[in-house]
Amino acid sequence: METHRYQRLKGTPRTGTFEGRELPAWQIEVTGGGRVWYLLDEQRRTVWLTHAGTGHPKTTE
């Protein structure tokens, strides 16, 4: 479920590849600029972290 701090990524980073499988990419807004990006692997009930930082990633701009 999306909220203003928990949302699916848009554009190019909307999906990511892990071990040859394409997975949906999500982000959590930790602070005004800080983000944690991850791939959601429902099959394994796992998330794979792809980015954690204090500034807004330029990839989504």
N, C-alpha and C. Protein backbone atom coordinates (compact mmCIF):
# COMPACT_ATOMS: atom_id res chain seq x y z
N MET A 1 0.84 -1.18 0.00
CA MET A 1 0.00 0.00 0.00
C MET A 1 0.89 1.25 0.00
N GLU A 2 0.64 2.14 -0.93
CA GLU A 2 1.45 3.35 -1.02
C GLU A 2 0.95 4.42 -0.05
N THR A 3 1.89 5.14 0.52
CA THR A 3 1.61 6.33 1.32
C THR A 3 2.56 7.42 0.83
N HIS A 4 2.54 8.61 1.45
CA HIS A 4 3.45 9.66 1.00
C HIS A 4 4.91 9.33 1.31
N ARG A 5 5.21 8.42 2.21
CA ARG A 5 6.59 8.04 2.53
C ARG A 5 6.99 6.66 1.98
N TYR A 6 6.03 5.89 1.53
CA TYR A 6 6.27 4.52 1.06
C TYR A 6 5.62 4.40 -0.31
N GLN A 7 6.44 4.31 -1.37
CA GLN A 7 5.86 4.31 -2.70
C GLN A 7 6.68 3.56 -3.73
N ARG A 8 6.01 3.13 -4.77
CA ARG A 8 6.65 2.46 -5.89
C ARG A 8 7.43 3.49 -6.69
N LEU A 9 8.65 3.14 -7.12
CA LEU A 9 9.44 4.05 -7.93
C LEU A 9 8.81 4.19 -9.31
N LYS A 10 9.06 5.34 -9.94
CA LYS A 10 8.50 5.64 -11.25
C LYS A 10 9.62 5.77 -12.27
N GLY A 11 9.28 5.69 -13.54
CA GLY A 11 10.26 5.87 -14.60
C GLY A 11 11.22 4.70 -14.73
N THR A 12 12.45 5.00 -15.09
CA THR A 12 13.47 3.98 -15.35
C THR A 12 13.70 3.05 -14.16
N PRO A 13 13.80 3.56 -12.92
CA PRO A 13 14.08 2.63 -11.81
C PRO A 13 12.84 1.89 -11.29
N ARG A 14 11.74 1.86 -12.06
CA ARG A 14 10.50 1.23 -11.60
C ARG A 14 10.69 -0.26 -11.29
N THR A 15 11.63 -0.90 -11.95
CA THR A 15 11.95 -2.30 -11.68
C THR A 15 13.46 -2.45 -11.60
N GLY A 16 13.89 -3.54 -11.04
CA GLY A 16 15.31 -3.86 -10.96
C GLY A 16 15.49 -5.35 -11.16
N THR A 17 16.70 -5.74 -11.48
CA THR A 17 16.99 -7.15 -11.72
C THR A 17 17.85 -7.70 -10.59
N PHE A 18 17.45 -8.84 -10.07
CA PHE A 18 18.23 -9.53 -9.05
C PHE A 18 18.23 -11.00 -9.39
N GLU A 19 19.42 -11.58 -9.53
CA GLU A 19 19.59 -12.99 -9.89
C GLU A 19 18.76 -13.36 -11.13
N GLY A 20 18.77 -12.46 -12.12
CA GLY A 20 18.10 -12.72 -13.38
C GLY A 20 16.59 -12.52 -13.38
N ARG A 21 16.03 -12.10 -12.28
CA ARG A 21 14.59 -11.86 -12.20
C ARG A 21 14.30 -10.38 -12.08
N GLU A 22 13.29 -9.91 -12.81
CA GLU A 22 12.89 -8.50 -12.72
C GLU A 22 11.90 -8.35 -11.58
N LEU A 23 12.21 -7.43 -10.66
CA LEU A 23 11.39 -7.23 -9.46
C LEU A 23 10.95 -5.78 -9.36
N PRO A 24 9.79 -5.52 -8.74
CA PRO A 24 9.33 -4.14 -8.56
C PRO A 24 10.23 -3.40 -7.57
N ALA A 25 10.52 -2.13 -7.89
CA ALA A 25 11.37 -1.30 -7.05
C ALA A 25 10.51 -0.32 -6.25
N TRP A 26 10.80 -0.21 -4.96
CA TRP A 26 10.06 0.66 -4.05
C TRP A 26 11.04 1.55 -3.30
N GLN A 27 10.49 2.58 -2.65
CA GLN A 27 11.31 3.44 -1.79
C GLN A 27 10.55 3.79 -0.53
N ILE A 28 11.34 4.04 0.51
CA ILE A 28 10.82 4.59 1.76
C ILE A 28 11.52 5.92 1.96
N GLU A 29 10.74 6.97 2.17
CA GLU A 29 11.30 8.28 2.48
C GLU A 29 11.54 8.32 3.99
N VAL A 30 12.81 8.29 4.38
CA VAL A 30 13.15 8.24 5.79
C VAL A 30 13.11 9.64 6.40
N THR A 31 13.66 10.61 5.67
CA THR A 31 13.65 12.02 6.07
C THR A 31 13.25 12.83 4.85
N GLY A 32 13.29 14.15 4.93
CA GLY A 32 12.95 14.99 3.79
C GLY A 32 13.73 14.64 2.53
N GLY A 33 14.99 14.26 2.67
CA GLY A 33 15.80 13.91 1.52
C GLY A 33 16.27 12.47 1.53
N GLY A 34 16.32 11.85 2.70
CA GLY A 34 16.85 10.49 2.81
C GLY A 34 15.90 9.45 2.25
N ARG A 35 16.48 8.51 1.52
CA ARG A 35 15.68 7.45 0.90
C ARG A 35 16.33 6.09 1.09
N VAL A 36 15.51 5.06 1.17
CA VAL A 36 15.95 3.68 1.10
C VAL A 36 15.20 3.07 -0.08
N TRP A 37 15.95 2.55 -1.04
CA TRP A 37 15.37 1.88 -2.20
C TRP A 37 15.56 0.38 -2.04
N TYR A 38 14.59 -0.38 -2.49
CA TYR A 38 14.69 -1.83 -2.40
C TYR A 38 13.87 -2.49 -3.49
N LEU A 39 14.21 -3.73 -3.76
CA LEU A 39 13.45 -4.57 -4.68
C LEU A 39 12.60 -5.51 -3.85
N LEU A 40 11.34 -5.64 -4.21
CA LEU A 40 10.41 -6.49 -3.46
C LEU A 40 10.34 -7.86 -4.11
N ASP A 41 10.82 -8.86 -3.40
CA ASP A 41 10.84 -10.24 -3.88
C ASP A 41 9.76 -11.02 -3.13
N GLU A 42 8.54 -10.98 -3.64
CA GLU A 42 7.42 -11.63 -2.96
C GLU A 42 7.59 -13.15 -2.93
N GLN A 43 8.17 -13.72 -3.96
CA GLN A 43 8.37 -15.17 -4.03
C GLN A 43 9.20 -15.66 -2.84
N ARG A 44 10.25 -14.92 -2.50
CA ARG A 44 11.12 -15.31 -1.37
C ARG A 44 10.76 -14.61 -0.07
N ARG A 45 9.75 -13.72 -0.12
CA ARG A 45 9.37 -12.92 1.05
C ARG A 45 10.57 -12.17 1.59
N THR A 46 11.25 -11.48 0.66
CA THR A 46 12.51 -10.80 0.96
C THR A 46 12.54 -9.45 0.27
N VAL A 47 13.24 -8.50 0.86
CA VAL A 47 13.55 -7.26 0.16
C VAL A 47 15.06 -7.19 -0.03
N TRP A 48 15.48 -6.69 -1.20
CA TRP A 48 16.90 -6.54 -1.53
C TRP A 48 17.20 -5.05 -1.58
N LEU A 49 17.99 -4.55 -0.65
CA LEU A 49 18.33 -3.13 -0.62
C LEU A 49 19.22 -2.77 -1.80
N THR A 50 18.88 -1.67 -2.48
CA THR A 50 19.67 -1.23 -3.62
C THR A 50 20.28 0.14 -3.41
N HIS A 51 19.75 0.92 -2.46
CA HIS A 51 20.28 2.26 -2.19
C HIS A 51 19.80 2.70 -0.82
N ALA A 52 20.67 3.34 -0.07
CA ALA A 52 20.31 4.00 1.18
C ALA A 52 21.17 5.25 1.26
N GLY A 53 20.53 6.41 1.38
CA GLY A 53 21.31 7.63 1.42
C GLY A 53 20.57 8.78 2.08
N THR A 54 21.33 9.79 2.46
CA THR A 54 20.76 10.95 3.14
C THR A 54 20.24 12.01 2.17
N GLY A 55 20.64 11.94 0.91
CA GLY A 55 20.17 12.89 -0.09
C GLY A 55 19.23 12.21 -1.07
N HIS A 56 18.40 13.03 -1.72
CA HIS A 56 17.47 12.50 -2.71
C HIS A 56 18.24 11.98 -3.92
N PRO A 57 18.04 10.72 -4.33
CA PRO A 57 18.77 10.18 -5.49
C PRO A 57 18.38 10.91 -6.76
N LYS A 58 19.35 11.32 -7.56
CA LYS A 58 19.10 12.08 -8.79
C LYS A 58 18.46 11.24 -9.88
N THR A 59 18.48 9.91 -9.75
CA THR A 59 17.94 9.01 -10.77
C THR A 59 16.47 9.28 -11.06
N THR A 60 15.71 9.72 -10.05
CA THR A 60 14.27 9.91 -10.23
C THR A 60 13.91 11.30 -10.71
N GLU A 61 14.85 12.19 -10.87
CA GLU A 61 14.53 13.56 -11.30
C GLU A 61 14.47 13.67 -12.80
